């Protein structure tokens, strides 16, 4: 798997660990799932930064986690979003796509 693939998986595990963190407030058994997700997220991020610039990878990793966690909050926990929040979420997604497109294809370890 290439760096971008590892970064997407790392972002998915970041969404998982924030979700499990929320769930663990009501049921401590989710604490183990939280810890496993944290470890896997950081391991995948570590693999991603072997071929991607650290600054880009970190920004996109946190962005995936932020957008995904907002969506989990809405779909799983019944949170609501104001129109301005939806607009800002869209801008964040646009910035993440822009960072991906602006990253040189031959980026390697520095």
Protein backbone atom coordinates (compact mmCIF):
# COMPACT_ATOMS: atom_id res chain seq x y z
CA UNK A 1 0.00 0.00 0.00
CA UNK A 2 1.29 3.49 -0.79
CA UNK A 3 1.54 6.43 1.61
CA UNK A 4 -1.86 7.83 0.67
CA UNK A 5 -3.51 4.49 1.35
CA UNK A 6 -1.85 4.27 4.76
CA UNK A 7 -2.97 7.82 5.46
CA UNK A 8 -6.61 7.01 4.67
CA UNK A 9 -6.50 3.96 6.94
CA UNK A 10 -4.85 6.05 9.68
CA UNK A 11 -7.65 8.62 9.34
CA UNK A 12 -10.28 5.90 9.58
CA UNK A 13 -8.73 4.63 12.80
CA UNK A 14 -8.64 8.21 14.11
CA UNK A 15 -12.39 8.45 13.52
CA UNK A 16 -12.75 5.10 15.28
CA UNK A 17 -10.75 6.15 18.32
CA UNK A 18 -12.70 9.36 18.82
CA UNK A 19 -15.95 7.43 18.48
CA UNK A 20 -14.79 4.78 20.96
CA UNK A 21 -13.66 7.54 23.31
CA UNK A 22 -17.20 8.93 23.31
CA UNK A 23 -18.72 5.46 23.74
CA UNK A 24 -16.36 4.68 26.62
CA UNK A 25 -17.93 7.49 28.65
CA UNK A 26 -21.05 5.35 28.99
CA UNK A 27 -19.41 1.90 28.92
CA UNK A 28 -15.79 1.43 29.95
CA UNK A 29 -15.51 -1.72 27.84
CA UNK A 30 -15.00 0.54 24.83
CA UNK A 31 -11.73 1.70 26.39
CA UNK A 32 -9.86 -1.26 24.92
CA UNK A 33 -11.23 -0.53 21.44
CA UNK A 34 -10.16 3.09 21.91
CA UNK A 35 -6.58 2.08 22.78
CA UNK A 36 -6.32 -0.40 19.90
CA UNK A 37 -7.63 2.23 17.47
CA UNK A 38 -5.13 4.81 18.73
CA UNK A 39 -2.23 2.41 18.28
CA UNK A 40 -3.35 1.36 14.81
CA UNK A 41 -3.96 4.96 13.76
CA UNK A 42 -0.46 6.03 14.77
CA UNK A 43 1.12 2.94 13.19
CA UNK A 44 -0.59 3.66 9.88
CA UNK A 45 0.38 7.34 10.11
CA UNK A 46 3.96 6.24 10.75
CA UNK A 47 3.90 4.15 7.59
CA UNK A 48 2.38 7.03 5.60
CA UNK A 49 5.12 9.49 6.54
CA UNK A 50 7.77 7.15 5.15
CA UNK A 51 6.78 8.40 1.68
CA UNK A 52 4.72 11.55 2.32
CA UNK A 53 5.87 14.87 3.75
CA UNK A 54 5.20 14.95 7.50
CA UNK A 55 3.44 18.32 7.37
CA UNK A 56 1.03 17.25 4.65
CA UNK A 57 0.38 13.83 6.14
CA UNK A 58 -0.30 15.21 9.61
CA UNK A 59 -2.63 17.94 8.34
CA UNK A 60 -4.62 15.50 6.22
CA UNK A 61 -4.70 12.87 9.00
CA UNK A 62 -6.15 15.34 11.48
CA UNK A 63 -8.52 16.69 8.82
CA UNK A 64 -9.85 13.21 8.01
CA UNK A 65 -10.32 12.66 11.72
CA UNK A 66 -12.07 15.98 12.21
CA UNK A 67 -14.45 15.61 9.27
CA UNK A 68 -15.14 11.95 10.05
CA UNK A 69 -15.72 12.63 13.72
CA UNK A 70 -18.20 15.40 12.91
CA UNK A 71 -20.05 13.02 10.60
CA UNK A 72 -20.05 10.30 13.28
CA UNK A 73 -21.41 12.82 15.77
CA UNK A 74 -24.27 13.63 13.43
CA UNK A 75 -25.08 10.09 12.30
CA UNK A 76 -24.41 8.08 15.47
CA UNK A 77 -24.84 10.52 18.34
CA UNK A 78 -27.63 12.70 16.94
CA UNK A 79 -25.65 15.94 16.96
CA UNK A 80 -26.85 18.74 14.71
CA UNK A 81 -24.95 21.11 12.45
CA UNK A 82 -25.84 24.70 11.72
CA UNK A 83 -25.60 25.85 8.08
CA UNK A 84 -22.38 27.75 8.81
CA UNK A 85 -20.86 24.58 10.25
CA UNK A 86 -21.74 22.69 7.07
CA UNK A 87 -20.11 25.44 5.02
CA UNK A 88 -16.96 25.33 7.13
CA UNK A 89 -16.86 21.53 6.94
CA UNK A 90 -17.05 21.83 3.15
CA UNK A 91 -14.18 24.32 3.19
CA UNK A 92 -12.12 21.95 5.33
CA UNK A 93 -12.72 19.13 2.86
CA UNK A 94 -11.70 21.44 0.00
CA UNK A 95 -8.47 22.34 1.84
CA UNK A 96 -7.67 18.66 2.40
CA UNK A 97 -8.19 17.90 -1.28
CA UNK A 98 -6.03 20.90 -2.15
CA UNK A 99 -3.23 19.65 0.09
CA UNK A 100 -3.40 16.24 -1.59
CA UNK A 101 -3.27 17.78 -5.06
CA UNK A 102 -0.45 20.16 -4.13
CA UNK A 103 1.80 17.43 -2.73
CA UNK A 104 4.58 16.45 -5.14
CA UNK A 105 4.15 12.92 -6.52
CA UNK A 106 7.78 11.99 -5.95
CA UNK A 107 7.77 13.02 -2.29
CA UNK A 108 9.99 10.76 -0.28
CA UNK A 109 11.61 10.63 3.12
CA UNK A 110 13.68 13.66 4.02
